[in-house]
Amino acid sequence: MGLSELKFLAVEDHEFQRGMLLKMLARLGATQVSTAADGYAALEIVMSPGASIDIIISDLDMPGMDGLEFMRHVGEARIPVSIILASALESVLLDSVETMTRAYGVKILGVIQKPITSEKLAALIKLHLPAQANPNLTQTDALSFTIEEIVQGIRNDEFEPFFQPKVELASRRIKGAEALARWRHPQKGIVAPYAFVGPLEDHNQIDKLTWLILSKSVDFCCEWRTKSELDVSVSVNVSAKSLADVNFADRVTELVKCKSLDCRNIILEVTESAATTDIGHSLENLSRLRMKGFGLSIDDYGTGYSSLQQLARIAFTEIKLDQSFIKSATTQQAARIILESSIDMAKKLGIVTVAEGIEIEKDWDLLRELGCDLAQGYFIARPMEHSAYHEWVLNWNRLVSPS
């Protein structure tokens, strides 16, 4: 779709600046531009039948309904539109507003700190794509299952781990993988976790899945290490329900040792909320697992309110930096500072840092510059079944090995 086909809405209370914005859009090739002097007028336009606005360029500090309230209404109405925010407010505040806008479910192309220039405007407009169904969603994404169907699938051994590689940023060598649960449904194909994890947790059945994925992950890790001498570890997510079982650590240890696998080759990932559920039992299990040599990883680090407290009281060997910080760090100074500080703190504590959700080269370059240890994400590889992962690692190692 060319620029002339896009419908714009310029929301700006200052008449002169509104006129300048119209001239810039015209020079860029826009031919369909509506204007509004505040949020009330803008909302009336986007809510009117047949409006079909593609891109809104909005100021924030306006009389009447300001840009913050306008963004909230756009998000609540689920209007399929892209947003460019333009304001003279300080950059830290603009970063907060950008985060707020995303939280409302609004697609935001970016933020321009005034004065607006044609170059800045054109660069953000290029990021726009026509509203359409998410191309990353598969047919199974819309599926729903009863808890009985899911539990029966577990009994039928239809669930298995897919593995996403974890790569050392400095050397580009494979260091391990995260095991991610998938349901190989006999009729629906591969089903993603959100279709079954929630119901299992809601019905207190998640422990069944935890043990199935853990057991298979141990088997595959043992196979890779013995048959191909791959020096890799496997990370497995552990539920709060599992940590509440006082016998959990002993059961995991027995499972691993029965396969003649070293405990250090298995890393157990726990979320902050899981570690704070039934604290006594959780701490006992986590401490015993570390005594046995297992790695412990705190998942989604930075998304909770007590992450620092968790690091102080639990002997974690790894923290997984949440992808929301990483995505923001290339554009927001505050996010970059937080990311850099987290990596520096982890180094001082002797804890490995893992960046998850790496999707573009710019993220990889920044993390390597900041000294992050490991990375995983679509930029490296998507999750894959165990046989494909084995072959992928062998090919990757051949590529990165010195000739």
Protein backbone atom coordinates (compact mmCIF):
# COMPACT_ATOMS: atom_id res chain seq x y z
CA MET A 1 0.00 0.00 0.00
CA GLY A 2 1.47 3.35 -1.05
CA LEU A 3 1.49 6.47 1.08
CA SER A 4 -1.23 8.04 -1.06
CA GLU A 5 -3.55 5.16 -0.15
CA LEU A 6 -3.12 5.55 3.60
CA LYS A 7 -5.59 7.53 5.68
CA PHE A 8 -3.97 9.79 8.28
CA LEU A 9 -5.36 11.64 11.28
CA ALA A 10 -3.28 14.52 12.66
CA VAL A 11 -4.21 15.36 16.26
CA GLU A 12 -2.59 18.67 17.29
CA ASP A 13 -4.05 21.60 19.24
CA HIS A 14 -1.54 24.17 18.00
CA GLU A 15 -2.81 25.52 14.67
CA PHE A 16 0.61 26.44 13.26
CA GLN A 17 2.16 23.06 14.14
CA ARG A 18 -0.90 21.29 12.75
CA GLY A 19 -0.40 23.17 9.49
CA MET A 20 3.28 22.24 9.37
CA LEU A 21 2.42 18.59 9.92
CA LEU A 22 -0.08 18.69 7.04
CA LYS A 23 2.58 20.16 4.74
CA MET A 24 5.09 17.45 5.71
CA LEU A 25 2.57 14.69 5.04
CA ALA A 26 1.69 16.23 1.69
CA ARG A 27 5.38 16.40 0.69
CA LEU A 28 5.75 12.73 1.64
CA GLY A 29 2.86 11.84 -0.68
CA ALA A 30 -0.10 11.60 1.68
CA THR A 31 -3.38 12.63 0.10
CA GLN A 32 -5.96 11.57 2.70
CA VAL A 33 -5.40 13.50 5.93
CA SER A 34 -7.98 14.44 8.57
CA THR A 35 -7.25 16.78 11.49
CA ALA A 36 -8.41 17.23 15.07
CA ALA A 37 -7.53 19.82 17.72
CA ASP A 38 -7.97 17.53 20.73
CA GLY A 39 -8.78 13.97 21.79
CA TYR A 40 -12.54 14.47 21.75
CA ALA A 41 -12.57 15.51 18.09
CA ALA A 42 -10.08 12.79 17.20
CA LEU A 43 -12.11 10.08 18.91
CA GLU A 44 -15.25 11.21 17.09
CA ILE A 45 -13.41 10.81 13.78
CA VAL A 46 -11.91 7.38 14.40
CA MET A 47 -15.20 6.05 15.83
CA SER A 48 -17.32 7.29 12.95
CA PRO A 49 -18.64 4.65 10.51
CA GLY A 50 -16.36 4.10 7.54
CA ALA A 51 -13.48 6.17 8.94
CA SER A 52 -10.83 3.42 8.54
CA ILE A 53 -7.93 5.58 9.71
CA ASP A 54 -4.57 3.86 9.12
CA ILE A 55 -2.16 6.10 11.03
CA ILE A 56 -2.78 8.63 13.80
CA ILE A 57 -0.10 11.23 14.54
CA SER A 58 -0.98 12.63 17.94
CA ASP A 59 0.28 15.29 20.31
CA LEU A 60 0.03 14.53 24.05
CA ASP A 61 -0.39 17.80 25.94
CA MET A 62 -3.73 19.12 24.63
CA PRO A 63 -6.72 20.88 26.24
CA GLY A 64 -9.90 18.92 26.72
CA MET A 65 -9.04 15.27 26.20
CA ASP A 66 -5.26 14.96 26.17
CA GLY A 67 -3.27 12.39 24.22
CA LEU A 68 -3.02 9.97 27.18
CA GLU A 69 -6.79 9.65 27.52
CA PHE A 70 -7.17 9.48 23.75
CA MET A 71 -4.72 6.52 23.61
CA ARG A 72 -6.70 4.77 26.34
CA HIS A 73 -9.97 5.13 24.42
CA VAL A 74 -8.35 3.91 21.20
CA GLY A 75 -7.04 0.84 23.01
CA GLU A 76 -10.31 0.07 24.80
CA ALA A 77 -12.22 0.38 21.51
CA ARG A 78 -9.71 -1.98 19.84
CA ILE A 79 -9.41 0.36 16.86
CA PRO A 80 -7.07 -1.23 14.28
CA VAL A 81 -4.80 1.76 13.78
CA SER A 82 -1.11 2.61 14.04
CA ILE A 83 0.03 5.45 16.29
CA ILE A 84 2.88 7.95 16.08
CA LEU A 85 3.24 10.09 19.19
CA ALA A 86 4.75 13.57 18.80
CA SER A 87 5.45 15.81 21.77
CA ALA A 88 7.84 18.34 23.27
CA LEU A 89 7.80 16.51 26.61
CA GLU A 90 11.05 15.14 28.04
CA SER A 91 12.25 11.86 26.58
CA VAL A 92 11.93 9.85 29.82
CA LEU A 93 8.25 10.79 30.05
CA LEU A 94 7.72 9.96 26.39
CA ASP A 95 9.22 6.51 27.01
CA SER A 96 6.66 5.97 29.78
CA VAL A 97 3.82 7.07 27.52
CA GLU A 98 5.03 4.73 24.79
CA THR A 99 5.01 1.84 27.25
CA MET A 100 1.55 2.86 28.47
CA THR A 101 0.23 2.96 24.90
CA ARG A 102 1.49 -0.55 24.19
CA ALA A 103 -0.07 -1.74 27.46
CA TYR A 104 -3.44 -0.53 26.16
CA GLY A 105 -2.99 -2.84 23.19
CA VAL A 106 -2.39 -0.03 20.69
CA LYS A 107 0.06 -0.54 17.84
CA ILE A 108 2.60 2.24 18.20
CA LEU A 109 5.11 2.91 15.44
CA GLY A 110 7.25 5.17 17.59
CA VAL A 111 7.68 8.50 19.32
CA ILE A 112 8.99 11.78 17.89
CA GLN A 113 10.26 14.45 20.22
CA LYS A 114 9.31 17.79 18.72
CA PRO A 115 10.20 19.51 16.48
CA ILE A 116 8.89 16.99 13.96
CA THR A 117 10.94 16.54 10.80
CA SER A 118 9.95 14.90 7.52
CA GLU A 119 12.79 12.40 7.92
CA LYS A 120 11.64 11.22 11.35
CA LEU A 121 8.05 11.05 10.19
CA ALA A 122 8.86 9.08 7.03
CA ALA A 123 10.96 6.57 8.95
CA LEU A 124 8.10 5.72 11.32
CA ILE A 125 5.44 5.63 8.59
CA LYS A 126 7.51 2.97 6.81
CA LEU A 127 6.99 0.72 9.84
CA HIS A 128 3.25 0.63 9.24
CA LEU A 129 1.59 -2.47 7.90
CA PRO A 130 -2.10 -2.65 6.97
CA ALA A 131 -4.25 -4.12 9.70
CA GLN A 132 -4.47 -7.85 9.17
CA ALA A 133 -4.55 -11.12 11.01
CA ASN A 134 -1.33 -11.78 12.88
CA PRO A 135 0.84 -13.77 10.42
CA ASN A 136 2.60 -15.49 13.33
CA LEU A 137 -0.61 -17.12 14.52
CA THR A 138 -1.23 -20.64 13.36
CA GLN A 139 -4.56 -22.35 12.97
CA THR A 140 -4.14 -23.97 16.38
CA ASP A 141 -3.87 -20.58 18.11
CA ALA A 142 -7.63 -20.15 18.15
CA LEU A 143 -8.29 -23.65 19.50
CA SER A 144 -9.66 -24.29 22.95
CA PHE A 145 -9.72 -27.59 24.81
CA THR A 146 -11.47 -28.90 27.90
CA ILE A 147 -9.33 -29.88 30.86
CA GLU A 148 -10.41 -33.48 30.30
CA GLU A 149 -9.07 -33.42 26.74
CA ILE A 150 -5.76 -31.95 27.87
CA VAL A 151 -5.26 -34.43 30.70
CA GLN A 152 -6.15 -37.29 28.36
CA GLY A 153 -3.51 -35.99 25.95
CA ILE A 154 -0.95 -36.18 28.74
CA ARG A 155 -2.02 -39.74 29.56
CA ASN A 156 -1.67 -40.61 25.87
CA ASP A 157 1.90 -39.24 25.86
CA GLU A 158 1.02 -36.66 23.20
CA PHE A 159 3.05 -33.87 24.81
CA GLU A 160 6.75 -33.38 24.16
CA PRO A 161 9.47 -30.76 24.56
CA PHE A 162 10.58 -28.58 21.67
CA PHE A 163 14.03 -27.04 22.13
CA GLN A 164 15.19 -23.47 21.54
CA PRO A 165 18.98 -23.03 21.44
CA LYS A 166 20.86 -20.84 23.92
CA VAL A 167 23.96 -19.32 22.32
CA GLU A 168 26.98 -17.72 23.97
CA LEU A 169 27.15 -14.19 22.62
CA ALA A 170 30.93 -13.81 22.81
CA SER A 171 31.85 -17.07 21.05
CA ARG A 172 28.57 -17.87 19.21
CA ARG A 173 28.80 -21.43 20.57
CA ILE A 174 25.75 -23.41 21.62
CA LYS A 175 25.57 -23.80 25.39
CA GLY A 176 22.20 -25.44 25.80
CA ALA A 177 18.50 -25.19 25.11
CA GLU A 178 15.24 -24.37 26.79
CA ALA A 179 12.62 -27.12 26.69
CA LEU A 180 9.23 -25.70 25.68
CA ALA A 181 6.11 -27.85 25.94
CA ARG A 182 4.16 -28.64 22.77
CA TRP A 183 1.11 -30.83 22.24
CA ARG A 184 1.32 -33.06 19.19
CA HIS A 185 -2.43 -33.38 18.83
CA PRO A 186 -3.52 -36.33 16.65
CA GLN A 187 -6.05 -34.16 14.75
CA LYS A 188 -5.01 -30.53 15.31
CA GLY A 189 -1.25 -30.80 14.82
CA ILE A 190 1.25 -28.93 16.98
CA VAL A 191 -0.55 -26.95 19.69
CA ALA A 192 1.21 -24.07 21.48
CA PRO A 193 1.38 -23.77 25.31
CA TYR A 194 -1.23 -21.03 25.83
CA ALA A 195 -3.90 -23.51 24.72
CA PHE A 196 -3.19 -25.88 27.61
CA VAL A 197 -0.99 -24.34 30.32
CA GLY A 198 -3.70 -22.01 31.66
CA PRO A 199 -6.36 -24.71 32.01
CA LEU A 200 -3.85 -27.07 33.64
CA GLU A 201 -2.90 -24.41 36.18
CA ASP A 202 -6.51 -23.43 36.82
CA HIS A 203 -7.43 -27.06 37.56
CA ASN A 204 -4.32 -27.83 39.58
CA GLN A 205 -3.05 -30.32 36.98
CA ILE A 206 0.12 -28.54 35.79
CA ASP A 207 2.38 -30.88 37.75
CA LYS A 208 1.50 -33.72 35.36
CA LEU A 209 2.85 -31.73 32.43
CA THR A 210 5.94 -30.61 34.36
CA TRP A 211 7.03 -34.17 35.02
CA LEU A 212 6.33 -35.36 31.50
CA ILE A 213 8.40 -32.56 29.91
CA LEU A 214 11.15 -32.90 32.53
CA SER A 215 11.45 -36.65 32.03
CA LYS A 216 11.64 -36.41 28.24
CA SER A 217 14.09 -33.51 28.40
CA VAL A 218 16.41 -35.52 30.62
CA ASP A 219 16.23 -38.44 28.17
CA PHE A 220 17.07 -36.25 25.18
CA CYS A 221 19.89 -34.44 26.97
CA CYS A 222 21.39 -37.78 27.95
CA GLU A 223 21.08 -39.02 24.35
CA TRP A 224 22.81 -35.94 22.90
CA ARG A 225 25.66 -36.07 25.36
CA THR A 226 26.36 -39.81 25.06
CA LYS A 227 25.80 -40.40 21.34
CA SER A 228 27.15 -37.17 19.89
CA GLU A 229 29.20 -35.82 22.81
CA LEU A 230 27.32 -32.54 22.68
CA ASP A 231 28.29 -30.48 25.72
CA VAL A 232 24.88 -28.92 26.22
CA SER A 233 22.52 -28.34 29.10
CA VAL A 234 18.72 -28.30 29.07
CA SER A 235 16.53 -25.81 30.90
CA VAL A 236 13.07 -26.94 32.01
CA ASN A 237 10.31 -24.77 33.44
CA VAL A 238 9.07 -25.77 36.88
CA SER A 239 5.63 -24.94 38.20
CA ALA A 240 4.75 -23.53 41.61
CA LYS A 241 2.77 -26.70 42.26
CA SER A 242 5.90 -28.81 41.80
CA LEU A 243 7.96 -26.63 44.14
CA ALA A 244 5.28 -26.94 46.82
CA ASP A 245 5.91 -30.72 46.95
CA VAL A 246 8.55 -31.24 49.62
CA ASN A 247 9.80 -34.35 47.79
CA PHE A 248 10.28 -32.57 44.47
CA ALA A 249 14.07 -32.08 44.69
CA ASP A 250 14.67 -35.72 45.63
CA ARG A 251 12.45 -36.95 42.80
CA VAL A 252 14.27 -34.79 40.24
CA THR A 253 17.66 -35.96 41.51
CA GLU A 254 16.62 -39.61 41.26
CA LEU A 255 15.26 -39.06 37.73
CA VAL A 256 18.54 -37.55 36.52
CA LYS A 257 20.87 -39.98 38.23
CA CYS A 258 18.95 -42.98 36.89
CA LYS A 259 20.01 -41.78 33.43
CA SER A 260 23.64 -41.42 34.55
CA LEU A 261 23.39 -37.71 33.75
CA ASP A 262 25.24 -35.08 35.73
CA CYS A 263 22.88 -32.80 37.65
CA ARG A 264 24.74 -29.73 36.37
CA ASN A 265 23.40 -30.49 32.87
CA ILE A 266 19.84 -29.69 33.93
CA ILE A 267 18.74 -26.14 34.72
CA LEU A 268 15.37 -25.63 36.39
CA GLU A 269 13.63 -22.37 35.49
CA VAL A 270 11.24 -20.84 37.98
CA THR A 271 9.24 -17.65 37.74
CA GLU A 272 9.33 -15.15 40.56
CA SER A 273 5.73 -15.94 41.45
CA ALA A 274 6.49 -19.67 41.62
CA ALA A 275 9.41 -19.05 43.98
CA THR A 276 7.17 -17.06 46.35
CA THR A 277 4.35 -19.60 46.47
CA ASP A 278 4.53 -21.75 49.61
CA ILE A 279 7.87 -20.10 50.41
CA GLY A 280 9.10 -22.65 52.95
CA HIS A 281 8.74 -25.68 50.69
CA SER A 282 9.94 -23.76 47.64
CA LEU A 283 13.11 -22.57 49.35
CA GLU A 284 13.83 -26.04 50.70
CA ASN A 285 13.46 -27.60 47.26
CA LEU A 286 15.50 -24.93 45.50
CA SER A 287 18.27 -25.11 48.10
CA ARG A 288 18.41 -28.90 47.90
CA LEU A 289 18.53 -28.79 44.10
CA ARG A 290 21.51 -26.40 44.23
CA MET A 291 23.21 -28.70 46.77
CA LYS A 292 22.88 -31.52 44.26
CA GLY A 293 24.43 -29.41 41.51
CA PHE A 294 21.40 -28.42 39.43
CA GLY A 295 21.35 -24.99 37.82
CA LEU A 296 18.59 -22.62 38.91
CA SER A 297 17.26 -19.88 36.67
CA ILE A 298 14.86 -17.08 37.55
CA ASP A 299 12.65 -16.55 34.52
CA ASP A 300 11.30 -13.20 33.26
CA TYR A 301 13.71 -11.30 35.50
CA GLY A 302 12.69 -7.68 35.94
CA THR A 303 8.94 -8.16 35.54
CA GLY A 304 8.21 -8.68 39.26
CA TYR A 305 8.49 -6.44 42.26
CA SER A 306 10.90 -8.49 44.36
CA SER A 307 13.44 -9.83 41.88
CA LEU A 308 16.36 -8.37 43.86
CA GLN A 309 15.06 -10.01 47.04
CA GLN A 310 14.85 -13.34 45.22
CA LEU A 311 18.48 -13.08 44.12
CA ALA A 312 19.51 -12.40 47.71
CA ARG A 313 17.74 -15.38 49.27
CA ILE A 314 17.93 -18.04 46.56
CA ALA A 315 21.19 -19.37 45.09
CA PHE A 316 20.26 -18.78 41.45
CA THR A 317 22.92 -19.56 38.87
CA GLU A 318 21.17 -17.79 36.00
CA ILE A 319 18.77 -14.94 35.36
CA LYS A 320 16.70 -14.64 32.19
CA LEU A 321 16.30 -11.03 31.16
CA ASP A 322 12.75 -10.34 30.07
CA GLN A 323 12.38 -9.56 26.39
CA SER A 324 10.34 -6.42 27.11
CA PHE A 325 13.49 -4.73 28.47
CA ILE A 326 15.53 -5.90 25.50
CA LYS A 327 13.04 -4.63 22.94
CA SER A 328 12.98 -1.22 24.61
CA ALA A 329 16.73 -0.93 25.27
CA THR A 330 17.63 -0.03 21.69
CA THR A 331 15.32 3.01 21.72
CA GLN A 332 14.82 3.99 25.37
CA GLN A 333 17.75 5.21 27.45
CA ALA A 334 16.14 4.22 30.77
CA ALA A 335 15.53 0.66 29.55
CA ARG A 336 19.12 0.40 28.34
CA ILE A 337 20.45 1.59 31.70
CA ILE A 338 18.30 -0.95 33.56
CA LEU A 339 19.44 -3.73 31.22
CA GLU A 340 23.11 -2.76 31.55
CA SER A 341 22.82 -2.52 35.35
CA SER A 342 21.17 -5.94 35.56
CA ILE A 343 23.97 -7.52 33.53
CA ASP A 344 26.67 -5.79 35.62
CA MET A 345 25.00 -6.84 38.87
CA ALA A 346 24.74 -10.44 37.71
CA LYS A 347 28.45 -10.49 36.84
CA LYS A 348 29.34 -9.27 40.33
CA LEU A 349 27.15 -12.01 41.81
CA GLY A 350 28.66 -14.66 39.53
CA ILE A 351 25.33 -15.31 37.84
CA VAL A 352 24.93 -16.10 34.13
CA THR A 353 22.68 -13.72 32.18
CA VAL A 354 20.40 -15.02 29.43
CA ALA A 355 18.55 -12.66 27.11
CA GLU A 356 15.33 -14.16 25.77
CA GLY A 357 13.20 -13.11 22.84
CA ILE A 358 16.07 -11.93 20.60
CA GLU A 359 14.43 -11.25 17.25
CA ILE A 360 16.69 -8.85 15.34
CA GLU A 361 20.41 -8.32 14.86
CA LYS A 362 20.29 -4.95 16.60
CA ASP A 363 19.23 -6.70 19.84
CA TRP A 364 22.07 -9.22 19.47
CA ASP A 365 24.66 -6.48 18.91
CA LEU A 366 23.50 -4.45 21.91
CA LEU A 367 23.53 -7.43 24.27
CA ARG A 368 26.98 -8.46 23.12
CA GLU A 369 28.18 -4.90 23.67
CA LEU A 370 26.74 -4.88 27.20
CA GLY A 371 28.42 -8.17 28.06
CA CYS A 372 25.38 -10.44 28.31
CA ASP A 373 26.39 -14.10 28.44
CA LEU A 374 23.75 -16.05 26.51
CA ALA A 375 20.90 -15.34 24.12
CA GLN A 376 17.92 -17.16 22.69
CA GLY A 377 15.15 -16.15 20.33
CA TYR A 378 13.89 -16.25 16.75
CA PHE A 379 16.98 -14.38 15.51
CA ILE A 380 18.94 -17.53 16.37
CA ALA A 381 16.33 -20.26 15.89
CA ARG A 382 12.73 -21.14 16.61
CA PRO A 383 11.90 -24.00 19.00
CA MET A 384 12.26 -27.38 17.27
CA GLU A 385 11.70 -31.05 18.03
CA HIS A 386 14.58 -32.97 19.57
CA SER A 387 15.89 -34.64 16.41
CA ALA A 388 15.90 -31.35 14.52
CA TYR A 389 17.64 -29.62 17.42
CA HIS A 390 20.37 -32.27 17.46
CA GLU A 391 21.05 -31.81 13.75
CA TRP A 392 20.82 -28.02 14.02
CA VAL A 393 23.45 -27.91 16.78
CA LEU A 394 25.85 -30.10 14.79
CA ASN A 395 25.50 -27.83 11.75
CA TRP A 396 25.85 -24.66 13.83
CA ASN A 397 29.00 -25.93 15.54
CA ARG A 398 30.55 -26.73 12.17
CA LEU A 399 29.88 -23.17 11.03
CA VAL A 400 31.34 -21.46 14.09
CA SER A 401 34.31 -23.80 14.64
CA PRO A 402 37.63 -22.37 13.48
CA SER A 403 38.85 -23.89 10.21
